[in-house]
Amino acid sequence: MNPFKSTLVALTAAAALSTSLAGCISFGPDAPEQLLTLTPTATVPSGYSSEGQVANALSVEVPTVAQRLNVPRIPVTTSDSTLAYLVDAVWVEKPAELFRTVLSETIRAKGNRLVVADEDLEFAANTRLSGTLVAMEYDAVTSSAVVRYDAVLEMAGGRVLTQRFEERVPGVLPEATAVGAALNQATNAVADRVAEWVG
């Protein structure tokens, strides 16, 4: 067979196969133009180190969340009984994971505790910070970004402390970048107060 004709047949077959597969395979929706994240404003300097007994360390656990926060989206409350998700607003991770990262880093930077995040060490720590991330959302009624965290501090000897922390940033436009920045601000404000609370 003519080499040119052989190549043409191969290319035609490949194109036909590609066309037939296109109708069978879905690679999901188009990727968003940008992903949102949370960044701690209080961080430990490069080269920072700490040491201590793991039993005296503080374990900062990923908070539990309601189903509406168990996705990498930003809920929008439009009334007492309805909600939607903000268009084009997609977190790089689920909100609970991002919140824990900011909280851990803030406590490490501002507190006096040895903070552990390694799963093997978390179970050995006598003091644990857990809780529920109740809200990390946009309130369309008041044009506010809202972060609400119900903290639970479990200490050695069975003593338990609880406290609710909330921060609202008003006057926020319902746009992904604006709401993401406002939620970052609110999260850091909550983390600052939690760090002061746990000591």
Protein backbone atom coordinates (compact mmCIF):
# COMPACT_ATOMS: atom_id res chain seq x y z
CA MET A 1 0.00 0.00 0.00
CA ASN A 2 1.12 3.53 -0.74
CA PRO A 3 2.71 4.99 2.45
CA PHE A 4 0.76 8.23 1.99
CA LYS A 5 -2.52 6.35 1.60
CA SER A 6 -1.68 4.18 4.64
CA THR A 7 -1.07 7.27 6.78
CA LEU A 8 -4.31 8.85 5.56
CA VAL A 9 -6.30 5.73 6.46
CA ALA A 10 -4.74 5.66 9.94
CA LEU A 11 -5.53 9.34 10.55
CA THR A 12 -9.10 8.91 9.34
CA ALA A 13 -9.61 5.94 11.66
CA ALA A 14 -8.15 7.85 14.61
CA ALA A 15 -10.42 10.83 13.91
CA ALA A 16 -13.47 8.58 13.70
CA LEU A 17 -12.56 6.86 16.97
CA SER A 18 -12.03 10.22 18.67
CA THR A 19 -15.41 11.47 17.46
CA SER A 20 -17.22 8.35 18.66
CA LEU A 21 -15.53 8.49 22.07
CA ALA A 22 -16.40 12.16 22.51
CA GLY A 23 -20.04 11.21 22.88
CA CYS A 24 -19.27 8.54 25.48
CA ILE A 25 -16.68 10.14 27.75
CA SER A 26 -17.25 13.15 29.96
CA PHE A 27 -14.38 14.90 31.69
CA GLY A 28 -16.73 16.97 33.87
CA PRO A 29 -17.57 20.66 33.73
CA ASP A 30 -15.08 23.23 32.60
CA ALA A 31 -12.56 24.18 35.26
CA PRO A 32 -13.31 27.50 36.99
CA GLU A 33 -11.18 30.49 36.02
CA GLN A 34 -9.90 30.72 39.60
CA LEU A 35 -10.08 28.81 42.87
CA LEU A 36 -10.56 30.46 46.25
CA THR A 37 -8.57 29.71 49.39
CA LEU A 38 -8.12 30.98 52.94
CA THR A 39 -4.78 32.41 54.04
CA PRO A 40 -3.78 32.99 57.68
CA THR A 41 -2.72 36.56 58.45
CA ALA A 42 -0.75 35.37 61.49
CA THR A 43 2.02 32.95 60.59
CA VAL A 44 5.12 31.60 62.26
CA PRO A 45 8.41 32.83 60.75
CA SER A 46 10.62 30.69 58.57
CA GLY A 47 12.83 28.47 60.70
CA TYR A 48 10.38 28.47 63.60
CA SER A 49 10.49 25.37 65.78
CA SER A 50 8.88 24.27 69.00
CA GLU A 51 9.11 21.26 71.25
CA GLY A 52 7.31 19.72 74.17
CA GLN A 53 5.59 16.60 75.40
CA VAL A 54 2.97 15.39 72.96
CA ALA A 55 0.61 14.74 75.88
CA ASN A 56 0.69 18.47 76.62
CA ALA A 57 0.17 19.48 73.00
CA LEU A 58 -2.99 20.87 71.45
CA SER A 59 -4.66 18.93 68.68
CA VAL A 60 -6.68 21.11 66.31
CA GLU A 61 -9.23 18.92 64.58
CA VAL A 62 -11.16 19.45 61.37
CA PRO A 63 -14.56 20.83 62.41
CA THR A 64 -17.76 19.06 61.55
CA VAL A 65 -20.07 20.79 59.08
CA ALA A 66 -23.63 20.64 57.84
CA GLN A 67 -24.17 19.17 54.38
CA ARG A 68 -24.36 22.59 52.74
CA LEU A 69 -20.71 23.20 53.73
CA ASN A 70 -19.55 19.73 52.79
CA VAL A 71 -18.82 20.88 49.24
CA PRO A 72 -16.19 23.33 47.91
CA ARG A 73 -18.81 26.02 47.26
CA ILE A 74 -20.00 29.17 49.05
CA PRO A 75 -23.61 28.98 50.29
CA VAL A 76 -25.78 32.05 49.84
CA THR A 77 -28.68 32.46 52.26
CA THR A 78 -31.49 34.28 50.51
CA SER A 79 -34.10 33.89 53.25
CA ASP A 80 -34.70 31.97 56.48
CA SER A 81 -35.64 28.89 54.48
CA THR A 82 -33.79 29.12 51.16
CA LEU A 83 -30.21 29.05 49.98
CA ALA A 84 -28.21 28.84 46.78
CA TYR A 85 -24.53 28.72 45.89
CA LEU A 86 -22.51 31.70 44.72
CA VAL A 87 -21.80 31.64 40.98
CA ASP A 88 -18.15 31.01 40.01
CA ALA A 89 -17.07 30.67 43.65
CA VAL A 90 -15.18 27.39 44.15
CA TRP A 91 -12.84 26.62 47.06
CA VAL A 92 -9.58 24.79 46.41
CA GLU A 93 -10.55 22.44 49.30
CA LYS A 94 -13.65 21.91 51.38
CA PRO A 95 -14.30 24.79 53.82
CA ALA A 96 -13.67 22.72 56.97
CA GLU A 97 -10.14 21.80 55.85
CA LEU A 98 -9.31 25.40 54.94
CA PHE A 99 -10.71 26.66 58.24
CA ARG A 100 -8.63 24.16 60.25
CA THR A 101 -5.46 25.26 58.43
CA VAL A 102 -6.02 28.93 59.32
CA LEU A 103 -7.00 28.06 62.88
CA SER A 104 -3.93 25.85 63.48
CA GLU A 105 -1.50 28.37 62.05
CA THR A 106 -3.03 31.26 64.00
CA ILE A 107 -2.90 29.39 67.32
CA ARG A 108 0.68 28.32 66.57
CA ALA A 109 1.66 31.93 65.80
CA LYS A 110 -0.21 33.70 68.60
CA GLY A 111 -0.54 31.15 71.36
CA ASN A 112 1.79 29.44 73.78
CA ARG A 113 0.90 25.89 72.85
CA LEU A 114 2.58 23.14 70.90
CA VAL A 115 0.09 22.54 68.09
CA VAL A 116 0.06 19.14 66.40
CA ALA A 117 -1.68 18.29 63.16
CA ASP A 118 -0.17 14.89 62.40
CA GLU A 119 -2.91 12.26 62.63
CA ASP A 120 -0.74 9.90 64.67
CA LEU A 121 0.08 12.61 67.24
CA GLU A 122 -3.43 14.06 67.45
CA PHE A 123 -4.71 11.06 69.38
CA ALA A 124 -1.91 11.37 71.94
CA ALA A 125 -2.61 15.02 72.78
CA ASN A 126 -4.50 15.55 76.05
CA THR A 127 -6.06 18.81 74.85
CA ARG A 128 -8.22 18.84 71.76
CA LEU A 129 -9.92 21.67 69.94
CA SER A 130 -12.85 20.49 67.89
CA GLY A 131 -16.26 21.88 67.10
CA THR A 132 -18.67 22.72 64.31
CA LEU A 133 -18.20 25.17 61.48
CA VAL A 134 -21.80 26.37 61.46
CA ALA A 135 -21.47 28.98 58.73
CA MET A 136 -19.00 30.12 56.11
CA GLU A 137 -21.37 31.81 53.75
CA TYR A 138 -22.75 34.93 52.11
CA ASP A 139 -25.88 36.47 53.58
CA ALA A 140 -27.68 38.05 50.63
CA VAL A 141 -30.24 39.75 52.87
CA THR A 142 -27.59 41.85 54.65
CA SER A 143 -24.83 41.67 51.98
CA SER A 144 -22.49 40.18 54.57
CA ALA A 145 -19.89 37.43 54.67
CA VAL A 146 -20.46 35.29 57.76
CA VAL A 147 -18.23 32.82 59.62
CA ARG A 148 -19.62 31.07 62.70
CA TYR A 149 -17.73 28.43 64.70
CA ASP A 150 -18.92 26.52 67.77
CA ALA A 151 -15.68 25.55 69.50
CA VAL A 152 -15.23 22.66 71.92
CA LEU A 153 -12.06 22.52 74.01
CA GLU A 154 -11.50 19.15 75.69
CA MET A 155 -8.82 19.13 78.38
CA ALA A 156 -7.11 16.56 80.57
CA GLY A 157 -9.25 15.39 83.44
CA GLY A 158 -12.45 15.52 81.44
CA ARG A 159 -13.02 19.28 81.62
CA VAL A 160 -14.81 20.67 78.57
CA LEU A 161 -15.27 24.29 77.50
CA THR A 162 -17.51 25.50 74.68
CA GLN A 163 -17.91 28.87 73.04
CA ARG A 164 -19.43 30.31 69.89
CA PHE A 165 -17.34 32.64 67.73
CA GLU A 166 -18.83 34.70 64.92
CA GLU A 167 -17.62 37.40 62.57
CA ARG A 168 -19.57 39.33 59.94
CA VAL A 169 -18.09 41.50 57.22
CA PRO A 170 -20.82 43.82 55.87
CA GLY A 171 -21.14 45.64 52.57
CA VAL A 172 -19.85 42.82 50.38
CA LEU A 173 -20.80 42.57 46.72
CA PRO A 174 -22.19 39.16 45.65
CA GLU A 175 -19.14 38.34 43.54
CA ALA A 176 -16.76 35.43 43.99
CA THR A 177 -13.59 37.47 44.55
CA ALA A 178 -15.22 39.94 46.93
CA VAL A 179 -16.97 37.28 48.99
CA GLY A 180 -13.85 35.10 49.09
CA ALA A 181 -11.76 38.00 50.43
CA ALA A 182 -14.42 38.88 53.01
CA LEU A 183 -14.66 35.27 54.20
CA ASN A 184 -10.87 35.19 54.53
CA GLN A 185 -11.05 38.32 56.68
CA ALA A 186 -13.86 36.87 58.81
CA THR A 187 -12.09 33.53 59.23
CA ASN A 188 -8.92 35.20 60.46
CA ALA A 189 -10.90 37.33 62.91
CA VAL A 190 -12.53 34.20 64.33
CA ALA A 191 -9.18 32.39 64.47
CA ASP A 192 -7.63 35.31 66.37
CA ARG A 193 -10.32 35.11 69.06
CA VAL A 194 -10.11 31.33 69.29
CA ALA A 195 -6.32 31.56 69.72
CA GLU A 196 -6.80 34.02 72.58
CA TRP A 197 -9.45 31.75 74.12
CA VAL A 198 -7.34 28.57 74.12
CA GLY A 199 -4.23 30.46 75.31
